[in-house]
Amino acid sequence: MSTKRTRIAIADDHGLMRQGLAAILAADPRFEVVGEAADAAGAVGLARDLAPDVLLLDVGLAGGSGVDVAGRVAGLAPECRVVMVTMHARLDLVAACFRAGAMGYVVKDSAATSLVAAIEAVLRGERYLDAAITPQVLLRLDEYAARKTGPRDPAYDSLTRREQQILRLLAEGRSVAAIATELFISKKTVENHRANICGKLGLANLAELVRYAARLGIVDLDDDLS
C-alpha cells in the first residue's frame, strides 16, 4: 500500500542551492519536490498553482522579499506551510518571517541536518527554529526578563500611581489629548502631571522620559529581538 508523499516546492535565487535542497529531500522517500522558482513572483506562483504541502523559501529573492512572499502565501494558500531557508541569522528577520506567516526558519549552513526536522515539525502544526539561532533568542529573553525584574530607580517609587500611569502612557507615545480622554481628566491636568514627573525624575524632555521608561522596562523599544 503506497503512502502519500509530502509535496514540497523550493524558491531560491541560487540554482546550486535549489539543487542542494532537492538532493536532501530526494534522500527521503516521504518527500516529493513538485516545483522550483528563482524569484518572488515564481514563489507565489508555486504556492498558488501547485498547492504544495510545504514551501521552502529564501529571504532574498529577485523581485521581492521572502518575508513579503510568506505573507502572500499565507493569504493565497493557507494550507501551505512555509519554511524559510536562508543564510541570515538576524533575530529581527526571524521575527519578521514568523509574523508574516512562516512556520519554520532554517539557516542554510544547517540545512543538511535541520531541514527534515523543520519539515516534520511544521507538518505537525508546530513552529521550528534552527538550533543555531536558539541560543541568541534565549539570551535576548534573559536580558528582557532582567529588565523587567531588575532593581528600580528609587525616584520612580516617589511618583504617585497616577504619575506612574501617565509616565507609561507618554512613553508608549500617547499624546496629551489621548491620555486626557482615556483617563477622563483635562489636558491641563495631564500637562501638570508630565511636568511633575519630569521634575521628580530629573528629565528634561519627552525623549529622555522615553529612554528612562525603556531602561526600567516600563516599555520595550525592541519588540523584534533585533
N, C-alpha and C. Protein backbone atom coordinates (compact mmCIF):
# COMPACT_ATOMS: atom_id res chain seq x y z
N MET A 1 0.85 -1.20 0.00
CA MET A 1 0.00 0.00 0.00
C MET A 1 0.88 1.24 0.00
N SER A 2 0.69 2.11 -0.98
CA SER A 2 1.54 3.29 -1.12
C SER A 2 1.12 4.36 -0.12
N THR A 3 2.13 5.11 0.35
CA THR A 3 1.89 6.20 1.27
C THR A 3 2.03 7.52 0.51
N LYS A 4 1.09 8.40 0.72
CA LYS A 4 1.14 9.69 0.04
C LYS A 4 2.36 10.48 0.49
N ARG A 5 3.12 10.97 -0.49
CA ARG A 5 4.33 11.72 -0.16
C ARG A 5 4.00 13.20 0.07
N THR A 6 4.82 13.84 0.89
CA THR A 6 4.68 15.27 1.15
C THR A 6 5.20 16.05 -0.04
N ARG A 7 4.37 16.92 -0.58
CA ARG A 7 4.70 17.69 -1.78
C ARG A 7 5.39 18.99 -1.37
N ILE A 8 6.60 19.20 -1.87
CA ILE A 8 7.42 20.32 -1.45
C ILE A 8 7.86 21.14 -2.66
N ALA A 9 7.76 22.46 -2.54
CA ALA A 9 8.25 23.39 -3.55
C ALA A 9 9.42 24.17 -2.98
N ILE A 10 10.34 24.59 -3.86
CA ILE A 10 11.56 25.28 -3.44
C ILE A 10 11.68 26.60 -4.18
N ALA A 11 11.88 27.69 -3.44
CA ALA A 11 12.08 29.01 -4.05
C ALA A 11 13.37 29.60 -3.52
N ASP A 12 14.38 29.70 -4.40
CA ASP A 12 15.68 30.26 -4.04
C ASP A 12 16.30 30.81 -5.30
N ASP A 13 16.96 31.96 -5.21
CA ASP A 13 17.50 32.57 -6.42
C ASP A 13 18.84 31.98 -6.85
N HIS A 14 19.37 31.03 -6.09
CA HIS A 14 20.62 30.35 -6.46
C HIS A 14 20.32 28.92 -6.89
N GLY A 15 20.64 28.61 -8.14
CA GLY A 15 20.36 27.28 -8.67
C GLY A 15 21.05 26.17 -7.90
N LEU A 16 22.28 26.41 -7.48
CA LEU A 16 23.00 25.38 -6.73
C LEU A 16 22.33 25.10 -5.39
N MET A 17 21.77 26.14 -4.77
CA MET A 17 21.08 25.93 -3.50
C MET A 17 19.81 25.13 -3.71
N ARG A 18 19.08 25.42 -4.78
CA ARG A 18 17.88 24.64 -5.07
C ARG A 18 18.24 23.17 -5.29
N GLN A 19 19.33 22.94 -6.01
CA GLN A 19 19.76 21.57 -6.25
C GLN A 19 20.14 20.87 -4.95
N GLY A 20 20.84 21.61 -4.07
CA GLY A 20 21.25 21.03 -2.81
C GLY A 20 20.07 20.65 -1.94
N LEU A 21 19.07 21.54 -1.86
CA LEU A 21 17.87 21.24 -1.07
C LEU A 21 17.11 20.07 -1.67
N ALA A 22 17.02 20.04 -3.00
CA ALA A 22 16.32 18.94 -3.67
C ALA A 22 17.03 17.62 -3.41
N ALA A 23 18.36 17.64 -3.35
CA ALA A 23 19.12 16.41 -3.09
C ALA A 23 18.86 15.90 -1.68
N ILE A 24 18.78 16.82 -0.70
CA ILE A 24 18.47 16.41 0.67
C ILE A 24 17.11 15.74 0.72
N LEU A 25 16.15 16.32 0.03
CA LEU A 25 14.78 15.79 0.05
C LEU A 25 14.68 14.47 -0.71
N ALA A 26 15.47 14.34 -1.80
CA ALA A 26 15.40 13.12 -2.62
C ALA A 26 15.87 11.89 -1.84
N ALA A 27 16.66 12.13 -0.79
CA ALA A 27 17.17 11.02 0.01
C ALA A 27 16.11 10.45 0.96
N ASP A 28 14.97 11.15 1.06
CA ASP A 28 13.90 10.71 1.96
C ASP A 28 12.67 10.37 1.12
N PRO A 29 12.25 9.11 1.08
CA PRO A 29 11.13 8.71 0.22
C PRO A 29 9.79 9.32 0.60
N ARG A 30 9.73 9.99 1.76
CA ARG A 30 8.47 10.62 2.17
C ARG A 30 8.19 11.91 1.41
N PHE A 31 9.23 12.46 0.75
CA PHE A 31 9.11 13.79 0.15
C PHE A 31 9.17 13.75 -1.37
N GLU A 32 8.46 14.69 -1.97
CA GLU A 32 8.46 14.84 -3.42
C GLU A 32 8.58 16.33 -3.77
N VAL A 33 9.60 16.70 -4.54
CA VAL A 33 9.74 18.08 -4.98
C VAL A 33 8.86 18.28 -6.22
N VAL A 34 7.90 19.19 -6.10
CA VAL A 34 6.92 19.36 -7.18
C VAL A 34 7.16 20.60 -8.02
N GLY A 35 8.07 21.49 -7.58
CA GLY A 35 8.32 22.69 -8.36
C GLY A 35 9.42 23.53 -7.76
N GLU A 36 10.04 24.37 -8.61
CA GLU A 36 11.09 25.26 -8.17
C GLU A 36 10.87 26.64 -8.78
N ALA A 37 11.36 27.66 -8.08
CA ALA A 37 11.28 29.03 -8.58
C ALA A 37 12.52 29.79 -8.15
N ALA A 38 12.86 30.84 -8.93
CA ALA A 38 14.08 31.61 -8.66
C ALA A 38 13.79 33.04 -8.25
N ASP A 39 12.51 33.44 -8.26
CA ASP A 39 12.19 34.82 -7.89
C ASP A 39 10.89 34.87 -7.10
N ALA A 40 10.56 36.08 -6.64
CA ALA A 40 9.40 36.23 -5.77
C ALA A 40 8.10 35.87 -6.48
N ALA A 41 7.94 36.34 -7.71
CA ALA A 41 6.71 36.04 -8.45
C ALA A 41 6.55 34.54 -8.66
N GLY A 42 7.67 33.89 -8.97
CA GLY A 42 7.61 32.44 -9.17
C GLY A 42 7.26 31.71 -7.90
N ALA A 43 7.77 32.20 -6.76
CA ALA A 43 7.46 31.57 -5.47
C ALA A 43 5.98 31.65 -5.16
N VAL A 44 5.40 32.81 -5.40
CA VAL A 44 3.96 32.97 -5.18
C VAL A 44 3.18 32.04 -6.12
N GLY A 45 3.66 31.95 -7.37
CA GLY A 45 3.00 31.07 -8.33
C GLY A 45 3.05 29.61 -7.92
N LEU A 46 4.16 29.18 -7.34
CA LEU A 46 4.26 27.80 -6.86
C LEU A 46 3.17 27.50 -5.84
N ALA A 47 3.03 28.41 -4.87
CA ALA A 47 2.03 28.19 -3.81
C ALA A 47 0.62 28.23 -4.37
N ARG A 48 0.37 29.15 -5.29
CA ARG A 48 -0.98 29.33 -5.83
C ARG A 48 -1.37 28.20 -6.77
N ASP A 49 -0.46 27.82 -7.65
CA ASP A 49 -0.82 26.89 -8.73
C ASP A 49 -0.60 25.43 -8.38
N LEU A 50 0.38 25.13 -7.53
CA LEU A 50 0.71 23.75 -7.22
C LEU A 50 0.18 23.30 -5.87
N ALA A 51 -0.18 24.24 -5.01
CA ALA A 51 -0.68 23.93 -3.67
C ALA A 51 0.19 22.89 -2.96
N PRO A 52 1.50 23.17 -2.81
CA PRO A 52 2.37 22.21 -2.12
C PRO A 52 2.04 22.15 -0.64
N ASP A 53 2.45 21.06 0.00
CA ASP A 53 2.27 20.96 1.45
C ASP A 53 3.25 21.89 2.17
N VAL A 54 4.45 22.04 1.61
CA VAL A 54 5.50 22.85 2.22
C VAL A 54 6.19 23.67 1.12
N LEU A 55 6.46 24.94 1.43
CA LEU A 55 7.26 25.79 0.54
C LEU A 55 8.54 26.17 1.27
N LEU A 56 9.68 25.78 0.69
CA LEU A 56 10.98 26.20 1.21
C LEU A 56 11.32 27.51 0.53
N LEU A 57 11.53 28.55 1.33
CA LEU A 57 11.57 29.91 0.80
C LEU A 57 12.80 30.67 1.29
N ASP A 58 13.56 31.22 0.35
CA ASP A 58 14.70 32.06 0.71
C ASP A 58 14.21 33.46 1.06
N VAL A 59 14.95 34.15 1.92
CA VAL A 59 14.57 35.53 2.28
C VAL A 59 14.89 36.49 1.14
N GLY A 60 16.06 36.33 0.53
CA GLY A 60 16.46 37.23 -0.54
C GLY A 60 16.12 36.66 -1.90
N LEU A 61 15.08 37.18 -2.53
CA LEU A 61 14.67 36.71 -3.85
C LEU A 61 14.65 37.87 -4.83
N ALA A 62 14.93 37.58 -6.09
CA ALA A 62 14.81 38.61 -7.12
C ALA A 62 13.35 39.03 -7.24
N GLY A 63 13.13 40.34 -7.29
CA GLY A 63 11.78 40.84 -7.48
C GLY A 63 10.95 40.97 -6.24
N GLY A 64 11.53 40.74 -5.07
CA GLY A 64 10.75 40.90 -3.85
C GLY A 64 11.38 40.19 -2.66
N SER A 65 10.88 40.51 -1.49
CA SER A 65 11.39 39.92 -0.26
C SER A 65 10.68 38.61 0.06
N GLY A 66 11.45 37.65 0.57
CA GLY A 66 10.84 36.41 1.00
C GLY A 66 9.84 36.62 2.13
N VAL A 67 10.06 37.65 2.94
CA VAL A 67 9.11 37.96 4.01
C VAL A 67 7.76 38.34 3.40
N ASP A 68 7.79 39.18 2.37
CA ASP A 68 6.54 39.56 1.70
C ASP A 68 5.88 38.35 1.04
N VAL A 69 6.69 37.50 0.44
CA VAL A 69 6.14 36.29 -0.20
C VAL A 69 5.46 35.41 0.84
N ALA A 70 6.08 35.25 2.00
CA ALA A 70 5.48 34.43 3.06
C ALA A 70 4.11 34.96 3.44
N GLY A 71 3.99 36.28 3.51
CA GLY A 71 2.70 36.89 3.83
C GLY A 71 1.67 36.63 2.75
N ARG A 72 2.08 36.72 1.50
CA ARG A 72 1.15 36.48 0.39
C ARG A 72 0.72 35.01 0.34
N VAL A 73 1.66 34.13 0.59
CA VAL A 73 1.32 32.70 0.58
C VAL A 73 0.32 32.38 1.68
N ALA A 74 0.49 33.02 2.83
CA ALA A 74 -0.45 32.78 3.93
C ALA A 74 -1.87 33.13 3.53
N GLY A 75 -2.03 34.13 2.66
CA GLY A 75 -3.35 34.51 2.19
C GLY A 75 -3.86 33.67 1.04
N LEU A 76 -2.94 33.30 0.12
CA LEU A 76 -3.34 32.56 -1.09
C LEU A 76 -3.49 31.07 -0.84
N ALA A 77 -2.60 30.52 -0.02
CA ALA A 77 -2.60 29.07 0.20
C ALA A 77 -2.38 28.79 1.68
N PRO A 78 -3.38 29.01 2.50
CA PRO A 78 -3.21 28.89 3.96
C PRO A 78 -2.81 27.50 4.42
N GLU A 79 -3.05 26.47 3.61
CA GLU A 79 -2.67 25.11 3.99
C GLU A 79 -1.20 24.83 3.72
N CYS A 80 -0.53 25.70 2.99
CA CYS A 80 0.88 25.52 2.66
C CYS A 80 1.74 26.02 3.81
N ARG A 81 2.59 25.16 4.36
CA ARG A 81 3.50 25.57 5.43
C ARG A 81 4.77 26.16 4.83
N VAL A 82 5.14 27.33 5.27
CA VAL A 82 6.33 28.00 4.75
C VAL A 82 7.49 27.79 5.71
N VAL A 83 8.60 27.31 5.17
CA VAL A 83 9.85 27.19 5.93
C VAL A 83 10.88 28.08 5.28
N MET A 84 11.37 29.09 6.00
CA MET A 84 12.41 29.95 5.48
C MET A 84 13.74 29.21 5.54
N VAL A 85 14.49 29.25 4.44
CA VAL A 85 15.82 28.64 4.39
C VAL A 85 16.76 29.72 3.89
N THR A 86 17.57 30.28 4.77
CA THR A 86 18.31 31.48 4.45
C THR A 86 19.68 31.50 5.12
N MET A 87 20.57 32.33 4.60
CA MET A 87 21.88 32.47 5.21
C MET A 87 21.86 33.44 6.39
N HIS A 88 20.77 34.18 6.57
CA HIS A 88 20.69 35.23 7.57
C HIS A 88 20.21 34.67 8.92
N ALA A 89 20.90 35.08 10.00
CA ALA A 89 20.52 34.64 11.34
C ALA A 89 20.13 35.82 12.22
N ARG A 90 19.81 36.98 11.61
CA ARG A 90 19.42 38.15 12.39
C ARG A 90 18.07 37.92 13.05
N LEU A 91 17.99 38.26 14.33
CA LEU A 91 16.77 37.97 15.07
C LEU A 91 15.60 38.84 14.64
N ASP A 92 15.87 40.07 14.18
CA ASP A 92 14.77 40.90 13.69
C ASP A 92 14.15 40.27 12.44
N LEU A 93 14.98 39.65 11.61
CA LEU A 93 14.48 38.99 10.40
C LEU A 93 13.70 37.73 10.76
N VAL A 94 14.19 36.98 11.72
CA VAL A 94 13.47 35.79 12.20
C VAL A 94 12.06 36.18 12.65
N ALA A 95 11.99 37.23 13.46
CA ALA A 95 10.69 37.68 13.98
C ALA A 95 9.78 38.12 12.85
N ALA A 96 10.34 38.86 11.86
CA ALA A 96 9.52 39.33 10.75
C ALA A 96 8.96 38.17 9.94
N CYS A 97 9.76 37.13 9.74
CA CYS A 97 9.29 35.97 8.98
C CYS A 97 8.15 35.25 9.69
N PHE A 98 8.28 35.04 10.99
CA PHE A 98 7.21 34.37 11.73
C PHE A 98 5.95 35.23 11.76
N ARG A 99 6.12 36.55 11.89
CA ARG A 99 4.93 37.42 11.87
C ARG A 99 4.23 37.36 10.53
N ALA A 100 5.00 37.20 9.45
CA ALA A 100 4.41 37.16 8.11
C ALA A 100 3.65 35.87 7.85
N GLY A 101 3.92 34.83 8.63
CA GLY A 101 3.20 33.58 8.45
C GLY A 101 4.07 32.35 8.29
N ALA A 102 5.40 32.52 8.22
CA ALA A 102 6.28 31.36 8.14
C ALA A 102 6.16 30.53 9.41
N MET A 103 6.34 29.22 9.28
CA MET A 103 6.27 28.33 10.45
C MET A 103 7.62 27.75 10.82
N GLY A 104 8.59 27.86 9.92
CA GLY A 104 9.92 27.32 10.20
C GLY A 104 11.00 28.26 9.72
N TYR A 105 12.16 28.18 10.35
CA TYR A 105 13.30 29.04 9.98
C TYR A 105 14.56 28.21 10.11
N VAL A 106 15.24 27.98 8.98
CA VAL A 106 16.45 27.17 8.94
C VAL A 106 17.57 28.00 8.32
N VAL A 107 18.73 27.98 8.95
CA VAL A 107 19.92 28.64 8.40
C VAL A 107 20.56 27.68 7.39
N LYS A 108 20.97 28.21 6.23
CA LYS A 108 21.46 27.35 5.16
C LYS A 108 22.63 26.48 5.59
N ASP A 109 23.49 26.99 6.44
CA ASP A 109 24.63 26.18 6.90
C ASP A 109 24.16 24.94 7.67
N SER A 110 22.94 24.99 8.21
CA SER A 110 22.41 23.87 8.99
C SER A 110 21.43 23.01 8.21
N ALA A 111 21.21 23.34 6.94
CA ALA A 111 20.13 22.70 6.18
C ALA A 111 20.30 21.18 6.11
N ALA A 112 21.53 20.71 5.96
CA ALA A 112 21.75 19.27 5.81
C ALA A 112 21.25 18.49 7.01
N THR A 113 21.33 19.10 8.20
CA THR A 113 20.93 18.40 9.42
C THR A 113 19.58 18.86 9.97
N SER A 114 19.12 20.05 9.58
CA SER A 114 17.92 20.62 10.19
C SER A 114 16.70 20.61 9.28
N LEU A 115 16.90 20.49 7.97
CA LEU A 115 15.78 20.69 7.05
C LEU A 115 14.66 19.67 7.28
N VAL A 116 15.00 18.40 7.37
CA VAL A 116 13.96 17.38 7.54
C VAL A 116 13.22 17.58 8.86
N ALA A 117 13.98 17.90 9.93
CA ALA A 117 13.33 18.13 11.23
C ALA A 117 12.37 19.31 11.14
N ALA A 118 12.75 20.36 10.39
CA ALA A 118 11.88 21.53 10.24
C ALA A 118 10.60 21.16 9.50
N ILE A 119 10.74 20.38 8.43
CA ILE A 119 9.56 19.97 7.66
C ILE A 119 8.63 19.11 8.51
N GLU A 120 9.20 18.17 9.24
CA GLU A 120 8.39 17.31 10.11
C GLU A 120 7.63 18.14 11.15
N ALA A 121 8.32 19.14 11.70
CA ALA A 121 7.68 19.96 12.74
C ALA A 121 6.52 20.77 12.18
N VAL A 122 6.73 21.44 11.04
CA VAL A 122 5.65 22.29 10.52
C VAL A 122 4.47 21.46 10.03
N LEU A 123 4.73 20.25 9.57
CA LEU A 123 3.63 19.37 9.16
C LEU A 123 2.79 18.94 10.36
N ARG A 124 3.41 18.94 11.55
CA ARG A 124 2.65 18.65 12.79
C ARG A 124 1.94 19.89 13.31
N GLY A 125 2.12 21.02 12.62
CA GLY A 125 1.50 22.26 13.06
C GLY A 125 2.34 23.02 14.07
N GLU A 126 3.61 22.65 14.22
CA GLU A 126 4.50 23.31 15.17
C GLU A 126 5.41 24.29 14.46
N ARG A 127 5.87 25.29 15.18
CA ARG A 127 6.90 26.18 14.67
C ARG A 127 8.27 25.54 14.89
N TYR A 128 9.19 25.86 13.97
CA TYR A 128 10.54 25.31 14.08
C TYR A 128 11.55 26.44 13.94
N LEU A 129 12.48 26.52 14.90
CA LEU A 129 13.55 27.50 14.85
C LEU A 129 14.88 26.77 14.89
N ASP A 130 15.73 27.07 13.93
CA ASP A 130 17.04 26.43 13.83
C ASP A 130 17.80 26.53 15.15
N ALA A 131 18.40 25.41 15.56
CA ALA A 131 19.16 25.38 16.81
C ALA A 131 20.32 26.36 16.79
N ALA A 132 20.79 26.75 15.60
CA ALA A 132 21.89 27.71 15.52
C ALA A 132 21.47 29.08 16.01
N ILE A 133 20.17 29.37 15.99
CA ILE A 133 19.66 30.68 16.40
C ILE A 133 19.12 30.65 17.82
N THR A 134 18.67 29.51 18.28
CA THR A 134 18.01 29.40 19.59
C THR A 134 18.80 30.03 20.72
N PRO A 135 20.14 29.83 20.84
CA PRO A 135 20.86 30.46 21.95
C PRO A 135 20.76 31.98 21.95
N GLN A 136 20.73 32.59 20.76
CA GLN A 136 20.59 34.04 20.69
C GLN A 136 19.22 34.48 21.22
N VAL A 137 18.19 33.72 20.88
CA VAL A 137 16.85 34.05 21.34
C VAL A 137 16.77 33.94 22.86
N LEU A 138 17.32 32.86 23.40
CA LEU A 138 17.29 32.67 24.85
C LEU A 138 18.05 33.79 25.56
N LEU A 139 19.17 34.23 24.99
CA LEU A 139 19.93 35.32 25.59
C LEU A 139 19.11 36.59 25.63
N ARG A 140 18.41 36.88 24.53
CA ARG A 140 17.60 38.10 24.50
C ARG A 140 16.44 38.01 25.47
N LEU A 141 15.86 36.81 25.61
CA LEU A 141 14.77 36.65 26.57
C LEU A 141 15.27 36.84 28.00
N ASP A 142 16.49 36.35 28.28
CA ASP A 142 17.07 36.56 29.60
C ASP A 142 17.29 38.04 29.86
N GLU A 143 17.78 38.76 28.85
CA GLU A 143 18.00 40.20 29.01
C GLU A 143 16.68 40.92 29.25
N TYR A 144 15.63 40.49 28.55
CA TYR A 144 14.32 41.11 28.71
C TYR A 144 13.79 40.87 30.12
N ALA A 145 13.94 39.62 30.60
CA ALA A 145 13.48 39.30 31.95
C ALA A 145 14.25 40.10 32.99
N ALA A 146 15.54 40.28 32.77
CA ALA A 146 16.35 41.04 33.72
C ALA A 146 15.90 42.49 33.79
N ARG A 147 15.50 43.04 32.64
CA ARG A 147 15.00 44.42 32.63
C ARG A 147 13.70 44.51 33.43
N LYS A 148 12.86 43.47 33.31
CA LYS A 148 11.56 43.50 33.97
C LYS A 148 11.66 43.31 35.49
N THR A 149 12.65 42.52 35.91
CA THR A 149 12.73 42.18 37.33
C THR A 149 13.88 42.85 38.06
N GLY A 150 14.70 43.61 37.32
CA GLY A 150 15.86 44.25 37.93
C GLY A 150 15.47 45.37 38.88
N PRO A 151 16.47 45.90 39.61
CA PRO A 151 16.19 46.95 40.59
C PRO A 151 15.62 48.20 39.93
N ARG A 152 14.64 48.82 40.58
CA ARG A 152 14.02 50.03 40.06
C ARG A 152 14.74 51.24 40.61
N ASP A 153 14.56 52.36 39.94
CA ASP A 153 15.11 53.62 40.41
C ASP A 153 14.25 54.10 41.58
N PRO A 154 14.84 54.41 42.74
CA PRO A 154 14.04 54.91 43.87
C PRO A 154 13.20 56.13 43.51
N ALA A 155 13.71 56.92 42.55
CA ALA A 155 12.95 58.10 42.14
C ALA A 155 11.61 57.71 41.53
N TYR A 156 11.58 56.58 40.84
CA TYR A 156 10.33 56.12 40.24
C TYR A 156 9.30 55.83 41.32
N ASP A 157 9.75 55.25 42.43
CA ASP A 157 8.83 54.92 43.51
C ASP A 157 8.29 56.16 44.22
N SER A 158 8.92 57.32 43.95
CA SER A 158 8.41 58.56 44.54
C SER A 158 7.22 59.12 43.76
N LEU A 159 6.99 58.58 42.56
CA LEU A 159 5.84 59.02 41.77
C LEU A 159 4.56 58.46 42.34
N THR A 160 3.49 59.21 42.22
CA THR A 160 2.18 58.69 42.60
C THR A 160 1.73 57.65 41.57
N ARG A 161 0.73 56.85 41.92
CA ARG A 161 0.24 55.84 40.99
C ARG A 161 -0.26 56.48 39.70
N ARG A 162 -0.91 57.64 39.82
CA ARG A 162 -1.38 58.34 38.63
C ARG A 162 -0.20 58.80 37.78
N GLU A 163 0.86 59.30 38.42
CA GLU A 163 2.03 59.75 37.67
C GLU A 163 2.72 58.57 36.98
N GLN A 164 2.79 57.42 37.65
CA GLN A 164 3.37 56.24 37.02
C GLN A 164 2.55 55.82 35.81
N GLN A 165 1.24 55.91 35.93
CA GLN A 165 0.36 55.55 34.82
C GLN A 165 0.59 56.49 33.64
N ILE A 166 0.68 57.76 33.90
CA ILE A 166 0.86 58.73 32.82
C ILE A 166 2.26 58.61 32.22
N LEU A 167 3.26 58.32 33.06
CA LEU A 167 4.60 58.09 32.54
C LEU A 167 4.59 56.97 31.50
N ARG A 168 3.93 55.86 31.83
CA ARG A 168 3.87 54.74 30.89
C ARG A 168 3.17 55.12 29.61
N LEU A 169 2.05 55.83 29.71
CA LEU A 169 1.30 56.22 28.52
C LEU A 169 2.09 57.17 27.64
N LEU A 170 2.79 58.12 28.26
CA LEU A 170 3.63 59.04 27.50
C LEU A 170 4.75 58.28 26.79
N ALA A 171 5.38 57.34 27.51
CA ALA A 171 6.48 56.57 26.94
C ALA A 171 6.01 55.68 25.80
N GLU A 172 4.74 55.27 25.82
CA GLU A 172 4.18 54.46 24.73
C GLU A 172 3.81 55.31 23.52
N GLY A 173 3.98 56.62 23.64
CA GLY A 173 3.73 57.50 22.50
C GLY A 173 2.36 58.14 22.46
N ARG A 174 1.59 58.02 23.55
CA ARG A 174 0.25 58.64 23.57
C ARG A 174 0.39 60.16 23.67
N SER A 175 -0.49 60.86 23.02
CA SER A 175 -0.49 62.32 23.10
C SER A 175 -1.18 62.76 24.38
N VAL A 176 -0.96 64.02 24.75
CA VAL A 176 -1.61 64.58 25.94
C VAL A 176 -3.12 64.48 25.80
N ALA A 177 -3.62 64.81 24.62
CA ALA A 177 -5.08 64.76 24.39
C ALA A 177 -5.61 63.34 24.53
N ALA A 178 -4.87 62.36 23.98
CA ALA A 178 -5.33 60.97 24.05
C ALA A 178 -5.34 60.48 25.50
N ILE A 179 -4.33 60.86 26.26
CA ILE A 179 -4.27 60.45 27.66
C ILE A 179 -5.42 61.07 28.45
N ALA A 180 -5.69 62.35 28.18
CA ALA A 180 -6.78 63.03 28.87
C ALA A 180 -8.11 62.34 28.61
N THR A 181 -8.33 61.95 27.36
CA THR A 181 -9.57 61.26 27.00
C THR A 181 -9.65 59.90 27.69
N GLU A 182 -8.55 59.15 27.68
CA GLU A 182 -8.54 57.80 28.25
C GLU A 182 -8.76 57.82 29.76
N LEU A 183 -8.19 58.82 30.43
CA LEU A 183 -8.26 58.87 31.89
C LEU A 183 -9.36 59.77 32.42
N PHE A 184 -10.13 60.38 31.50
CA PHE A 184 -11.23 61.26 31.88
C PHE A 184 -10.74 62.43 32.76
N ILE A 185 -9.64 63.03 32.34
CA ILE A 185 -9.12 64.22 33.01
C ILE A 185 -8.83 65.26 31.93
N SER A 186 -8.55 66.49 32.34
CA SER A 186 -8.30 67.55 31.37
C SER A 186 -6.87 67.47 30.83
N LYS A 187 -6.67 68.08 29.67
CA LYS A 187 -5.31 68.13 29.11
C LYS A 187 -4.38 68.90 30.03
N LYS A 188 -4.89 69.93 30.67
CA LYS A 188 -4.07 70.71 31.59
C LYS A 188 -3.58 69.84 32.74
N THR A 189 -4.46 68.97 33.24
CA THR A 189 -4.06 68.07 34.33
C THR A 189 -2.96 67.11 33.87
N VAL A 190 -3.08 66.60 32.65
CA VAL A 190 -2.04 65.71 32.10
C VAL A 190 -0.72 66.47 32.00
N GLU A 191 -0.78 67.71 31.50
CA GLU A 191 0.43 68.51 31.36
C GLU A 191 1.08 68.78 32.71
N ASN A 192 0.25 69.01 33.73
CA ASN A 192 0.79 69.24 35.08
C ASN A 192 1.47 67.97 35.60
N HIS A 193 0.82 66.83 35.37
CA HIS A 193 1.43 65.56 35.78
C HIS A 193 2.76 65.34 35.05
N ARG A 194 2.78 65.63 33.77
CA ARG A 194 4.01 65.45 33.00
C ARG A 194 5.13 66.30 33.56
N ALA A 195 4.82 67.54 33.88
CA ALA A 195 5.83 68.43 34.46
C ALA A 195 6.32 67.90 35.81
N ASN A 196 5.40 67.40 36.63
CA ASN A 196 5.78 66.84 37.93
C ASN A 196 6.66 65.60 37.78
N ILE A 197 6.30 64.76 36.81
CA ILE A 197 7.09 63.54 36.56
C ILE A 197 8.52 63.91 36.17
N CYS A 198 8.65 64.81 35.21
CA CYS A 198 9.98 65.20 34.74
C CYS A 198 10.78 65.85 35.87
N GLY A 199 10.09 66.64 36.70
CA GLY A 199 10.77 67.28 37.81
C GLY A 199 11.28 66.28 38.83
N LYS A 200 10.46 65.32 39.20
CA LYS A 200 10.86 64.32 40.19
C LYS A 200 11.98 63.41 39.68
N LEU A 201 11.97 63.13 38.37
CA LEU A 201 12.94 62.20 37.80
C LEU A 201 14.16 62.90 37.21
N GLY A 202 14.12 64.22 37.17
CA GLY A 202 15.24 64.97 36.61
C GLY A 202 15.36 64.82 35.11
N LEU A 203 14.24 64.76 34.42
CA LEU A 203 14.22 64.58 32.97
C LEU A 203 13.90 65.91 32.29
N ALA A 204 14.58 66.17 31.18
CA ALA A 204 14.45 67.48 30.52
C ALA A 204 13.35 67.51 29.46
N ASN A 205 13.05 66.37 28.85
CA ASN A 205 12.09 66.37 27.74
C ASN A 205 11.49 64.99 27.55
N LEU A 206 10.60 64.88 26.56
CA LEU A 206 9.89 63.62 26.34
C LEU A 206 10.85 62.51 25.90
N ALA A 207 11.86 62.85 25.09
CA ALA A 207 12.81 61.83 24.64
C ALA A 207 13.53 61.20 25.82
N GLU A 208 13.93 62.00 26.79
CA GLU A 208 14.58 61.46 27.98
C GLU A 208 13.60 60.61 28.79
N LEU A 209 12.34 61.02 28.82
CA LEU A 209 11.32 60.25 29.53
C LEU A 209 11.17 58.86 28.90
N VAL A 210 11.15 58.79 27.57
CA VAL A 210 11.00 57.51 26.87
C VAL A 210 12.21 56.61 27.17
N ARG A 211 13.41 57.17 27.09
CA ARG A 211 14.61 56.38 27.37
C ARG A 211 14.61 55.88 28.82
N TYR A 212 14.16 56.72 29.73
CA TYR A 212 14.09 56.33 31.14
C TYR A 212 13.13 55.16 31.31
N ALA A 213 11.96 55.25 30.69
CA ALA A 213 10.96 54.18 30.80
C ALA A 213 11.48 52.88 30.20
N ALA A 214 12.22 52.97 29.09
CA ALA A 214 12.78 51.78 28.48
C ALA A 214 13.84 51.15 29.38
N ARG A 215 14.65 51.98 30.01
CA ARG A 215 15.72 51.47 30.89
C ARG A 215 15.14 50.70 32.07
N LEU A 216 14.00 51.16 32.58
CA LEU A 216 13.37 50.47 33.71
C LEU A 216 12.49 49.30 33.27
N GLY A 217 12.34 49.12 31.95
CA GLY A 217 11.49 48.03 31.47
C GLY A 217 10.02 48.34 31.49
N ILE A 218 9.67 49.63 31.65
CA ILE A 218 8.26 50.02 31.66
C ILE A 218 7.67 49.87 30.26
N VAL A 219 8.48 50.21 29.27
CA VAL A 219 8.11 49.96 27.85
C VAL A 219 9.29 49.25 27.23
N ASP A 220 9.01 48.53 26.14
CA ASP A 220 10.03 47.78 25.43
C ASP A 220 10.20 48.40 24.05
N LEU A 221 11.40 48.93 23.78
CA LEU A 221 11.65 49.54 22.47
C LEU A 221 12.24 48.57 21.48
N ASP A 222 12.28 47.28 21.80
CA ASP A 222 12.96 46.31 20.92
C ASP A 222 12.11 45.06 20.78
N ASP A 223 10.90 45.25 20.28
CA ASP A 223 9.96 44.15 20.21
C ASP A 223 10.41 43.03 19.28
N ASP A 224 11.30 43.37 18.31
CA ASP A 224 11.67 42.38 17.28
C ASP A 224 12.88 41.54 17.66
N LEU A 225 13.39 41.69 18.86
CA LEU A 225 14.55 40.92 19.27
C LEU A 225 15.73 41.14 18.35
N SER A 226 15.87 42.34 17.83
CA SER A 226 16.92 42.58 16.85
C SER A 226 18.26 42.67 17.53
